[in-house]
Amino acid sequence: MRICQTAVCTLQDQEGRQRSFRYMLTVEQCGTADERHEFYGISIIEEGGGRSSMPALTRSFHRASALMSLLVRNGVGPVGLHDVIEDWK
Protein backbone atom coordinates (compact mmCIF):
# COMPACT_ATOMS: atom_id res chain seq x y z
CA MET A 1 0.00 0.00 0.00
CA ARG A 2 1.23 3.49 -0.77
CA ILE A 3 -0.02 6.99 -0.10
CA CYS A 4 -0.89 8.97 -3.22
CA GLN A 5 -2.45 12.11 -1.75
CA THR A 6 -2.50 13.83 1.66
CA ALA A 7 -4.26 16.74 3.34
CA VAL A 8 -4.35 18.28 6.81
CA CYS A 9 -7.26 19.93 8.61
CA THR A 10 -6.91 21.83 11.89
CA LEU A 11 -10.03 23.02 13.70
CA GLN A 12 -11.45 23.78 17.12
CA ASP A 13 -13.87 21.37 18.74
CA GLN A 14 -16.92 22.36 20.80
CA GLU A 15 -14.79 22.70 23.94
CA GLY A 16 -12.39 25.08 22.16
CA ARG A 17 -9.53 22.59 21.87
CA GLN A 18 -7.48 22.61 18.70
CA ARG A 19 -7.55 19.29 16.80
CA SER A 20 -5.50 18.33 13.78
CA PHE A 21 -6.31 15.53 11.36
CA ARG A 22 -4.08 14.09 8.63
CA TYR A 23 -5.95 12.52 5.70
CA MET A 24 -4.32 10.03 3.36
CA LEU A 25 -5.61 8.64 0.10
CA THR A 26 -4.07 5.18 -0.18
CA VAL A 27 -3.66 2.93 -3.19
CA GLU A 28 -3.24 -0.81 -3.17
CA GLN A 29 -2.43 -3.00 -6.16
CA CYS A 30 -4.13 -6.39 -6.38
CA GLY A 31 -4.23 -9.09 -9.00
CA THR A 32 -1.79 -11.22 -10.93
CA ALA A 33 1.39 -10.21 -12.72
CA ASP A 34 -0.60 -10.09 -15.97
CA GLU A 35 -3.57 -8.16 -14.64
CA ARG A 36 -3.19 -5.52 -11.92
CA HIS A 37 -6.00 -3.46 -10.38
CA GLU A 38 -5.65 -0.42 -8.16
CA PHE A 39 -7.98 0.08 -5.21
CA TYR A 40 -8.18 3.37 -3.32
CA GLY A 41 -8.89 3.83 0.37
CA ILE A 42 -8.77 6.50 3.08
CA SER A 43 -6.88 6.80 6.36
CA ILE A 44 -7.28 9.51 8.99
CA ILE A 45 -4.85 10.11 11.83
CA GLU A 46 -5.56 12.56 14.63
CA GLU A 47 -2.46 14.25 16.02
CA GLY A 48 -2.03 12.89 19.53
CA GLY A 49 -5.12 10.71 19.13
CA GLY A 50 -6.74 7.93 17.17
CA ARG A 51 -6.45 6.52 13.70
CA SER A 52 -8.93 4.91 11.32
CA SER A 53 -8.54 3.34 7.87
CA MET A 54 -10.89 2.09 5.20
CA PRO A 55 -8.84 0.35 2.49
CA ALA A 56 -10.00 -0.64 -0.98
CA LEU A 57 -13.16 1.48 -1.13
CA THR A 58 -13.18 2.04 -4.89
CA ARG A 59 -11.18 1.53 -8.06
CA SER A 60 -11.83 5.14 -9.10
CA PHE A 61 -9.12 7.64 -8.17
CA HIS A 62 -11.48 10.55 -8.87
CA ARG A 63 -14.22 9.15 -6.63
CA ALA A 64 -11.77 8.48 -3.79
CA SER A 65 -10.21 11.93 -4.16
CA ALA A 66 -13.67 13.56 -4.04
CA LEU A 67 -14.44 11.58 -0.87
CA MET A 68 -11.22 12.74 0.75
CA SER A 69 -12.06 16.36 -0.13
CA LEU A 70 -15.48 15.90 1.50
CA LEU A 71 -13.88 14.49 4.67
CA VAL A 72 -11.38 17.36 4.89
CA ARG A 73 -14.00 20.04 4.16
CA ASN A 74 -16.19 18.71 6.98
CA GLY A 75 -13.38 18.02 9.46
CA VAL A 76 -14.29 14.35 9.85
CA GLY A 77 -12.08 12.63 12.40
CA PRO A 78 -11.10 8.99 12.78
CA VAL A 79 -14.16 8.21 14.93
CA GLY A 80 -16.60 9.40 12.26
CA LEU A 81 -14.90 7.85 9.22
CA HIS A 82 -16.85 4.55 9.16
CA ASP A 83 -20.23 6.30 9.47
CA VAL A 84 -19.45 8.72 6.64
CA ILE A 85 -18.25 5.85 4.42
CA GLU A 86 -21.48 3.91 5.04
CA ASP A 87 -23.52 6.94 3.92
CA TRP A 88 -21.18 7.55 0.95
CA LYS A 89 -21.46 4.00 -0.47
PDB file of N, CA and C in Angstrom:
ATOM      1  N   MET A   1       0.856  -1.166   0.000  1.00  0.00           N
ATOM      2  CA  MET A   1       0.000   0.000   0.000  1.00  0.00           C
ATOM      3  C   MET A   1       0.903   1.229   0.000  1.00  0.00           C
ATOM      4  N   ARG A   2       0.493   2.228  -0.761  1.00  0.00           N
ATOM      5  CA  ARG A   2       1.227   3.487  -0.770  1.00  0.00           C
ATOM      6  C   ARG A   2       0.255   4.650  -0.643  1.00  0.00           C
ATOM      7  N   ILE A   3       0.781   5.777  -0.260  1.00  0.00           N
ATOM      8  CA  ILE A   3      -0.024   6.992  -0.105  1.00  0.00           C
ATOM      9  C   ILE A   3       0.139   7.818  -1.373  1.00  0.00           C
ATOM     10  N   CYS A   4      -0.986   8.203  -1.978  1.00  0.00           N
ATOM     11  CA  CYS A   4      -0.886   8.969  -3.222  1.00  0.00           C
ATOM     12  C   CYS A   4      -1.371  10.410  -3.076  1.00  0.00           C
ATOM     13  N   GLN A   5      -1.978  10.748  -1.953  1.00  0.00           N
ATOM     14  CA  GLN A   5      -2.452  12.109  -1.746  1.00  0.00           C
ATOM     15  C   GLN A   5      -2.638  12.324  -0.250  1.00  0.00           C
ATOM     16  N   THR A   6      -2.313  13.522   0.246  1.00  0.00           N
ATOM     17  CA  THR A   6      -2.498  13.829   1.660  1.00  0.00           C
ATOM     18  C   THR A   6      -3.111  15.211   1.823  1.00  0.00           C
ATOM     19  N   ALA A   7      -3.714  15.431   2.979  1.00  0.00           N
ATOM     20  CA  ALA A   7      -4.264  16.738   3.336  1.00  0.00           C
ATOM     21  C   ALA A   7      -4.278  16.831   4.860  1.00  0.00           C
ATOM     22  N   VAL A   8      -4.305  18.043   5.365  1.00  0.00           N
ATOM     23  CA  VAL A   8      -4.354  18.279   6.808  1.00  0.00           C
ATOM     24  C   VAL A   8      -5.468  19.269   7.094  1.00  0.00           C
ATOM     25  N   CYS A   9      -6.192  19.025   8.173  1.00  0.00           N
ATOM     26  CA  CYS A   9      -7.261  19.925   8.614  1.00  0.00           C
ATOM     27  C   CYS A   9      -7.064  20.182  10.106  1.00  0.00           C
ATOM     28  N   THR A  10      -7.002  21.457  10.480  1.00  0.00           N
ATOM     29  CA  THR A  10      -6.911  21.832  11.885  1.00  0.00           C
ATOM     30  C   THR A  10      -8.135  22.668  12.216  1.00  0.00           C
ATOM     31  N   LEU A  11      -8.807  22.322  13.312  1.00  0.00           N
ATOM     32  CA  LEU A  11     -10.028  23.024  13.704  1.00  0.00           C
ATOM     33  C   LEU A  11     -10.160  23.027  15.216  1.00  0.00           C
ATOM     34  N   GLN A  12     -11.145  23.769  15.690  1.00  0.00           N
ATOM     35  CA  GLN A  12     -11.445  23.779  17.124  1.00  0.00           C
ATOM     36  C   GLN A  12     -12.710  22.979  17.364  1.00  0.00           C
ATOM     37  N   ASP A  13     -12.677  22.133  18.407  1.00  0.00           N
ATOM     38  CA  ASP A  13     -13.874  21.370  18.741  1.00  0.00           C
ATOM     39  C   ASP A  13     -14.809  22.210  19.602  1.00  0.00           C
ATOM     40  N   GLN A  14     -15.907  21.631  20.042  1.00  0.00           N
ATOM     41  CA  GLN A  14     -16.924  22.363  20.804  1.00  0.00           C
ATOM     42  C   GLN A  14     -16.413  22.881  22.135  1.00  0.00           C
ATOM     43  N   GLU A  15     -15.371  22.250  22.678  1.00  0.00           N
ATOM     44  CA  GLU A  15     -14.789  22.696  23.943  1.00  0.00           C
ATOM     45  C   GLU A  15     -13.676  23.705  23.727  1.00  0.00           C
ATOM     46  N   GLY A  16     -13.412  24.089  22.474  1.00  0.00           N
ATOM     47  CA  GLY A  16     -12.394  25.081  22.161  1.00  0.00           C
ATOM     48  C   GLY A  16     -10.988  24.519  22.010  1.00  0.00           C
ATOM     49  N   ARG A  17     -10.850  23.208  22.047  1.00  0.00           N
ATOM     50  CA  ARG A  17      -9.530  22.588  21.865  1.00  0.00           C
ATOM     51  C   ARG A  17      -9.194  22.490  20.390  1.00  0.00           C
ATOM     52  N   GLN A  18      -7.926  22.727  20.074  1.00  0.00           N
ATOM     53  CA  GLN A  18      -7.477  22.609  18.700  1.00  0.00           C
ATOM     54  C   GLN A  18      -7.200  21.137  18.382  1.00  0.00           C
ATOM     55  N   ARG A  19      -7.732  20.683  17.243  1.00  0.00           N
ATOM     56  CA  ARG A  19      -7.549  19.293  16.802  1.00  0.00           C
ATOM     57  C   ARG A  19      -7.014  19.313  15.381  1.00  0.00           C
ATOM     58  N   SER A  20      -6.114  18.399  15.099  1.00  0.00           N
ATOM     59  CA  SER A  20      -5.500  18.333  13.779  1.00  0.00           C
ATOM     60  C   SER A  20      -5.613  16.901  13.238  1.00  0.00           C
ATOM     61  N   PHE A  21      -6.123  16.812  12.016  1.00  0.00           N
ATOM     62  CA  PHE A  21      -6.310  15.527  11.357  1.00  0.00           C
ATOM     63  C   PHE A  21      -5.461  15.466  10.085  1.00  0.00           C
ATOM     64  N   ARG A  22      -4.834  14.328   9.865  1.00  0.00           N
ATOM     65  CA  ARG A  22      -4.084  14.095   8.629  1.00  0.00           C
ATOM     66  C   ARG A  22      -4.850  13.043   7.828  1.00  0.00           C
ATOM     67  N   TYR A  23      -5.186  13.395   6.596  1.00  0.00           N
ATOM     68  CA  TYR A  23      -5.947  12.522   5.703  1.00  0.00           C
ATOM     69  C   TYR A  23      -5.007  11.961   4.640  1.00  0.00           C
ATOM     70  N   MET A  24      -5.150  10.675   4.367  1.00  0.00           N
ATOM     71  CA  MET A  24      -4.317  10.034   3.355  1.00  0.00           C
ATOM     72  C   MET A  24      -5.176   9.214   2.403  1.00  0.00           C
ATOM     73  N   LEU A  25      -4.981   9.452   1.137  1.00  0.00           N
ATOM     74  CA  LEU A  25      -5.605   8.642   0.099  1.00  0.00           C
ATOM     75  C   LEU A  25      -4.602   7.541  -0.233  1.00  0.00           C
ATOM     76  N   THR A  26      -4.987   6.307   0.011  1.00  0.00           N
ATOM     77  CA  THR A  26      -4.073   5.182  -0.180  1.00  0.00           C
ATOM     78  C   THR A  26      -4.434   4.405  -1.439  1.00  0.00           C
ATOM     79  N   VAL A  27      -3.435   3.768  -2.011  1.00  0.00           N
ATOM     80  CA  VAL A  27      -3.664   2.929  -3.194  1.00  0.00           C
ATOM     81  C   VAL A  27      -2.978   1.591  -2.967  1.00  0.00           C
ATOM     82  N   GLU A  28      -3.687   0.557  -3.339  1.00  0.00           N
ATOM     83  CA  GLU A  28      -3.236  -0.810  -3.172  1.00  0.00           C
ATOM     84  C   GLU A  28      -3.361  -1.513  -4.518  1.00  0.00           C
ATOM     85  N   GLN A  29      -2.355  -2.241  -4.909  1.00  0.00           N
ATOM     86  CA  GLN A  29      -2.433  -3.003  -6.158  1.00  0.00           C
ATOM     87  C   GLN A  29      -2.746  -4.450  -5.838  1.00  0.00           C
ATOM     88  N   CYS A  30      -3.713  -4.989  -6.559  1.00  0.00           N
ATOM     89  CA  CYS A  30      -4.126  -6.386  -6.384  1.00  0.00           C
ATOM     90  C   CYS A  30      -4.177  -7.045  -7.752  1.00  0.00           C
ATOM     91  N   GLY A  31      -4.112  -8.344  -7.751  1.00  0.00           N
ATOM     92  CA  GLY A  31      -4.230  -9.089  -8.995  1.00  0.00           C
ATOM     93  C   GLY A  31      -2.987  -9.900  -9.284  1.00  0.00           C
ATOM     94  N   THR A  32      -2.916 -10.403 -10.495  1.00  0.00           N
ATOM     95  CA  THR A  32      -1.789 -11.222 -10.930  1.00  0.00           C
ATOM     96  C   THR A  32      -0.761 -10.350 -11.638  1.00  0.00           C
ATOM     97  N   ALA A  33       0.354 -10.942 -11.997  1.00  0.00           N
ATOM     98  CA  ALA A  33       1.387 -10.207 -12.724  1.00  0.00           C
ATOM     99  C   ALA A  33       0.872  -9.716 -14.073  1.00  0.00           C
ATOM    100  N   ASP A  34      -0.052 -10.465 -14.665  1.00  0.00           N
ATOM    101  CA  ASP A  34      -0.604 -10.094 -15.974  1.00  0.00           C
ATOM    102  C   ASP A  34      -1.718  -9.054 -15.878  1.00  0.00           C
ATOM    103  N   GLU A  35      -2.423  -9.057 -14.780  1.00  0.00           N
ATOM    104  CA  GLU A  35      -3.570  -8.161 -14.643  1.00  0.00           C
ATOM    105  C   GLU A  35      -3.586  -7.530 -13.252  1.00  0.00           C
ATOM    106  N   ARG A  36      -3.244  -6.249 -13.193  1.00  0.00           N
ATOM    107  CA  ARG A  36      -3.189  -5.523 -11.920  1.00  0.00           C
ATOM    108  C   ARG A  36      -4.359  -4.546 -11.837  1.00  0.00           C
ATOM    109  N   HIS A  37      -4.916  -4.415 -10.636  1.00  0.00           N
ATOM    110  CA  HIS A  37      -5.995  -3.463 -10.377  1.00  0.00           C
ATOM    111  C   HIS A  37      -5.582  -2.593  -9.200  1.00  0.00           C
ATOM    112  N   GLU A  38      -5.919  -1.318  -9.270  1.00  0.00           N
ATOM    113  CA  GLU A  38      -5.649  -0.416  -8.157  1.00  0.00           C
ATOM    114  C   GLU A  38      -6.938  -0.140  -7.410  1.00  0.00           C
ATOM    115  N   PHE A  39      -6.851  -0.217  -6.085  1.00  0.00           N
ATOM    116  CA  PHE A  39      -7.975   0.078  -5.211  1.00  0.00           C
ATOM    117  C   PHE A  39      -7.573   1.215  -4.284  1.00  0.00           C
ATOM    118  N   TYR A  40      -8.463   2.183  -4.124  1.00  0.00           N
ATOM    119  CA  TYR A  40      -8.179   3.366  -3.316  1.00  0.00           C
ATOM    120  C   TYR A  40      -8.947   3.322  -2.005  1.00  0.00           C
ATOM    121  N   GLY A  41      -8.290   3.780  -0.956  1.00  0.00           N
ATOM    122  CA  GLY A  41      -8.892   3.833   0.367  1.00  0.00           C
ATOM    123  C   GLY A  41      -8.520   5.131   1.068  1.00  0.00           C
ATOM    124  N   ILE A  42      -8.994   5.290   2.292  1.00  0.00           N
ATOM    125  CA  ILE A  42      -8.774   6.505   3.080  1.00  0.00           C
ATOM    126  C   ILE A  42      -8.277   6.128   4.468  1.00  0.00           C
ATOM    127  N   SER A  43      -7.324   6.903   4.970  1.00  0.00           N
ATOM    128  CA  SER A  43      -6.880   6.797   6.358  1.00  0.00           C
ATOM    129  C   SER A  43      -6.914   8.190   6.978  1.00  0.00           C
ATOM    130  N   ILE A  44      -7.297   8.249   8.244  1.00  0.00           N
ATOM    131  CA  ILE A  44      -7.283   9.508   8.985  1.00  0.00           C
ATOM    132  C   ILE A  44      -6.530   9.271  10.287  1.00  0.00           C
ATOM    133  N   ILE A  45      -5.601  10.160  10.575  1.00  0.00           N
ATOM    134  CA  ILE A  45      -4.847  10.107  11.831  1.00  0.00           C
ATOM    135  C   ILE A  45      -5.049  11.436  12.550  1.00  0.00           C
ATOM    136  N   GLU A  46      -5.436  11.356  13.814  1.00  0.00           N
ATOM    137  CA  GLU A  46      -5.556  12.562  14.628  1.00  0.00           C
ATOM    138  C   GLU A  46      -4.246  12.756  15.387  1.00  0.00           C
ATOM    139  N   GLU A  47      -3.692  13.951  15.299  1.00  0.00           N
ATOM    140  CA  GLU A  47      -2.459  14.250  16.016  1.00  0.00           C
ATOM    141  C   GLU A  47      -2.684  14.049  17.511  1.00  0.00           C
ATOM    142  N   GLY A  48      -1.891  13.182  18.113  1.00  0.00           N
ATOM    143  CA  GLY A  48      -2.032  12.889  19.533  1.00  0.00           C
ATOM    144  C   GLY A  48      -3.268  12.078  19.878  1.00  0.00           C
ATOM    145  N   GLY A  49      -3.877  11.453  18.876  1.00  0.00           N
ATOM    146  CA  GLY A  49      -5.116  10.709  19.134  1.00  0.00           C
ATOM    147  C   GLY A  49      -5.227   9.450  18.313  1.00  0.00           C
ATOM    148  N   GLY A  50      -6.433   9.184  17.840  1.00  0.00           N
ATOM    149  CA  GLY A  50      -6.739   7.929  17.165  1.00  0.00           C
ATOM    150  C   GLY A  50      -6.409   7.912  15.694  1.00  0.00           C
ATOM    151  N   ARG A  51      -6.696   6.758  15.126  1.00  0.00           N
ATOM    152  CA  ARG A  51      -6.447   6.516  13.701  1.00  0.00           C
ATOM    153  C   ARG A  51      -7.536   5.580  13.190  1.00  0.00           C
ATOM    154  N   SER A  52      -7.944   5.786  11.937  1.00  0.00           N
ATOM    155  CA  SER A  52      -8.926   4.906  11.318  1.00  0.00           C
ATOM    156  C   SER A  52      -8.606   4.781   9.835  1.00  0.00           C
ATOM    157  N   SER A  53      -8.808   3.599   9.295  1.00  0.00           N
ATOM    158  CA  SER A  53      -8.540   3.344   7.871  1.00  0.00           C
ATOM    159  C   SER A  53      -9.673   2.547   7.252  1.00  0.00           C
ATOM    160  N   MET A  54      -9.937   2.843   6.009  1.00  0.00           N
ATOM    161  CA  MET A  54     -10.892   2.087   5.205  1.00  0.00           C
ATOM    162  C   MET A  54     -10.205   1.810   3.872  1.00  0.00           C
ATOM    163  N   PRO A  55      -9.546   0.661   3.739  1.00  0.00           N
ATOM    164  CA  PRO A  55      -8.841   0.353   2.493  1.00  0.00           C
ATOM    165  C   PRO A  55      -9.793  -0.130   1.404  1.00  0.00           C
ATOM    166  N   ALA A  56      -9.317  -0.052   0.182  1.00  0.00           N
ATOM    167  CA  ALA A  56      -9.997  -0.641  -0.983  1.00  0.00           C
ATOM    168  C   ALA A  56     -11.475  -0.277  -1.073  1.00  0.00           C
ATOM    169  N   LEU A  57     -11.764   1.022  -1.029  1.00  0.00           N
ATOM    170  CA  LEU A  57     -13.158   1.481  -1.130  1.00  0.00           C
ATOM    171  C   LEU A  57     -13.662   1.532  -2.570  1.00  0.00           C
ATOM    172  N   THR A  58     -12.768   1.867  -3.493  1.00  0.00           N
ATOM    173  CA  THR A  58     -13.176   2.042  -4.886  1.00  0.00           C
ATOM    174  C   THR A  58     -11.979   1.873  -5.800  1.00  0.00           C
ATOM    175  N   ARG A  59     -12.249   1.584  -7.063  1.00  0.00           N
ATOM    176  CA  ARG A  59     -11.177   1.532  -8.063  1.00  0.00           C
ATOM    177  C   ARG A  59     -11.015   2.872  -8.766  1.00  0.00           C
ATOM    178  N   SER A  60     -11.865   3.831  -8.444  1.00  0.00           N
ATOM    179  CA  SER A  60     -11.829   5.138  -9.099  1.00  0.00           C
ATOM    180  C   SER A  60     -11.027   6.148  -8.275  1.00  0.00           C
ATOM    181  N   PHE A  61      -9.910   6.619  -8.839  1.00  0.00           N
ATOM    182  CA  PHE A  61      -9.121   7.644  -8.165  1.00  0.00           C
ATOM    183  C   PHE A  61      -9.955   8.903  -7.945  1.00  0.00           C
ATOM    184  N   HIS A  62     -10.705   9.312  -8.951  1.00  0.00           N
ATOM    185  CA  HIS A  62     -11.482  10.554  -8.865  1.00  0.00           C
ATOM    186  C   HIS A  62     -12.557  10.467  -7.782  1.00  0.00           C
ATOM    187  N   ARG A  63     -13.192   9.335  -7.668  1.00  0.00           N
ATOM    188  CA  ARG A  63     -14.222   9.155  -6.631  1.00  0.00           C
ATOM    189  C   ARG A  63     -13.594   9.175  -5.234  1.00  0.00           C
ATOM    190  N   ALA A  64     -12.456   8.504  -5.071  1.00  0.00           N
ATOM    191  CA  ALA A  64     -11.765   8.479  -3.786  1.00  0.00           C
ATOM    192  C   ALA A  64     -11.239   9.865  -3.424  1.00  0.00           C
ATOM    193  N   SER A  65     -10.716  10.585  -4.404  1.00  0.00           N
ATOM    194  CA  SER A  65     -10.206  11.933  -4.163  1.00  0.00           C
ATOM    195  C   SER A  65     -11.343  12.880  -3.763  1.00  0.00           C
ATOM    196  N   ALA A  66     -12.501  12.742  -4.398  1.00  0.00           N
ATOM    197  CA  ALA A  66     -13.667  13.560  -4.035  1.00  0.00           C
ATOM    198  C   ALA A  66     -14.127  13.241  -2.616  1.00  0.00           C
ATOM    199  N   LEU A  67     -14.083  11.962  -2.238  1.00  0.00           N
ATOM    200  CA  LEU A  67     -14.438  11.576  -0.874  1.00  0.00           C
ATOM    201  C   LEU A  67     -13.478  12.201   0.126  1.00  0.00           C
ATOM    202  N   MET A  68     -12.187  12.150  -0.170  1.00  0.00           N
ATOM    203  CA  MET A  68     -11.217  12.736   0.748  1.00  0.00           C
ATOM    204  C   MET A  68     -11.456  14.238   0.895  1.00  0.00           C
ATOM    205  N   SER A  69     -11.753  14.923  -0.190  1.00  0.00           N
ATOM    206  CA  SER A  69     -12.060  16.355  -0.127  1.00  0.00           C
ATOM    207  C   SER A  69     -13.272  16.618   0.765  1.00  0.00           C
ATOM    208  N   LEU A  70     -14.285  15.782   0.659  1.00  0.00           N
ATOM    209  CA  LEU A  70     -15.481  15.898   1.497  1.00  0.00           C
ATOM    210  C   LEU A  70     -15.126  15.726   2.975  1.00  0.00           C
ATOM    211  N   LEU A  71     -14.295  14.740   3.282  1.00  0.00           N
ATOM    212  CA  LEU A  71     -13.879  14.490   4.666  1.00  0.00           C
ATOM    213  C   LEU A  71     -13.109  15.686   5.231  1.00  0.00           C
ATOM    214  N   VAL A  72     -12.182  16.217   4.449  1.00  0.00           N
ATOM    215  CA  VAL A  72     -11.377  17.364   4.887  1.00  0.00           C
ATOM    216  C   VAL A  72     -12.268  18.585   5.086  1.00  0.00           C
ATOM    217  N   ARG A  73     -13.111  18.872   4.109  1.00  0.00           N
ATOM    218  CA  ARG A  73     -14.002  20.041   4.162  1.00  0.00           C
ATOM    219  C   ARG A  73     -14.894  20.022   5.403  1.00  0.00           C
ATOM    220  N   ASN A  74     -15.288  18.831   5.837  1.00  0.00           N
ATOM    221  CA  ASN A  74     -16.194  18.710   6.983  1.00  0.00           C
ATOM    222  C   ASN A  74     -15.478  18.355   8.283  1.00  0.00           C
ATOM    223  N   GLY A  75     -14.153  18.286   8.248  1.00  0.00           N
ATOM    224  CA  GLY A  75     -13.384  18.017   9.456  1.00  0.00           C
ATOM    225  C   GLY A  75     -13.714  16.693  10.119  1.00  0.00           C
ATOM    226  N   VAL A  76     -13.954  15.668   9.310  1.00  0.00           N
ATOM    227  CA  VAL A  76     -14.290  14.347   9.848  1.00  0.00           C
ATOM    228  C   VAL A  76     -13.043  13.731  10.478  1.00  0.00           C
ATOM    229  N   GLY A  77     -13.180  13.273  11.705  1.00  0.00           N
ATOM    230  CA  GLY A  77     -12.078  12.628  12.403  1.00  0.00           C
ATOM    231  C   GLY A  77     -12.131  11.119  12.280  1.00  0.00           C
ATOM    232  N   PRO A  78     -11.152  10.444  12.866  1.00  0.00           N
ATOM    233  CA  PRO A  78     -11.102   8.988  12.778  1.00  0.00           C
ATOM    234  C   PRO A  78     -12.365   8.300  13.296  1.00  0.00           C
ATOM    235  N   VAL A  79     -12.969   8.838  14.339  1.00  0.00           N
ATOM    236  CA  VAL A  79     -14.161   8.213  14.930  1.00  0.00           C
ATOM    237  C   VAL A  79     -15.342   8.236  13.963  1.00  0.00           C
ATOM    238  N   GLY A  80     -15.469   9.273  13.161  1.00  0.00           N
ATOM    239  CA  GLY A  80     -16.604   9.397  12.256  1.00  0.00           C
ATOM    240  C   GLY A  80     -16.408   8.798  10.874  1.00  0.00           C
ATOM    241  N   LEU A  81     -15.195   8.322  10.575  1.00  0.00           N
ATOM    242  CA  LEU A  81     -14.905   7.848   9.215  1.00  0.00           C
ATOM    243  C   LEU A  81     -15.839   6.731   8.767  1.00  0.00           C
ATOM    244  N   HIS A  82     -16.028   5.703   9.570  1.00  0.00           N
ATOM    245  CA  HIS A  82     -16.850   4.553   9.157  1.00  0.00           C
ATOM    246  C   HIS A  82     -18.300   4.958   8.878  1.00  0.00           C
ATOM    247  N   ASP A  83     -18.856   5.852   9.690  1.00  0.00           N
ATOM    248  CA  ASP A  83     -20.235   6.302   9.471  1.00  0.00           C
ATOM    249  C   ASP A  83     -20.365   7.069   8.162  1.00  0.00           C
ATOM    250  N   VAL A  84     -19.402   7.937   7.884  1.00  0.00           N
ATOM    251  CA  VAL A  84     -19.449   8.715   6.639  1.00  0.00           C
ATOM    252  C   VAL A  84     -19.321   7.785   5.446  1.00  0.00           C
ATOM    253  N   ILE A  85     -18.434   6.810   5.527  1.00  0.00           N
ATOM    254  CA  ILE A  85     -18.247   5.853   4.422  1.00  0.00           C
ATOM    255  C   ILE A  85     -19.532   5.073   4.168  1.00  0.00           C
ATOM    256  N   GLU A  86     -20.212   4.662   5.209  1.00  0.00           N
ATOM    257  CA  GLU A  86     -21.477   3.914   5.042  1.00  0.00           C
ATOM    258  C   GLU A  86     -22.513   4.768   4.299  1.00  0.00           C
ATOM    259  N   ASP A  87     -22.580   6.045   4.611  1.00  0.00           N
ATOM    260  CA  ASP A  87     -23.516   6.937   3.920  1.00  0.00           C
ATOM    261  C   ASP A  87     -23.058   7.198   2.485  1.00  0.00           C
ATOM    262  N   TRP A  88     -21.761   7.229   2.259  1.00  0.00           N
ATOM    263  CA  TRP A  88     -21.181   7.546   0.954  1.00  0.00           C
ATOM    264  C   TRP A  88     -21.376   6.399  -0.041  1.00  0.00           C
ATOM    265  N   LYS A  89     -21.373   5.167   0.435  1.00  0.00           N
ATOM    266  CA  LYS A  89     -21.456   3.998  -0.470  1.00  0.00           C
ATOM    267  C   LYS A  89     -22.729   3.969  -1.267  1.00  0.00           C
TER     268      LYS A  89
END
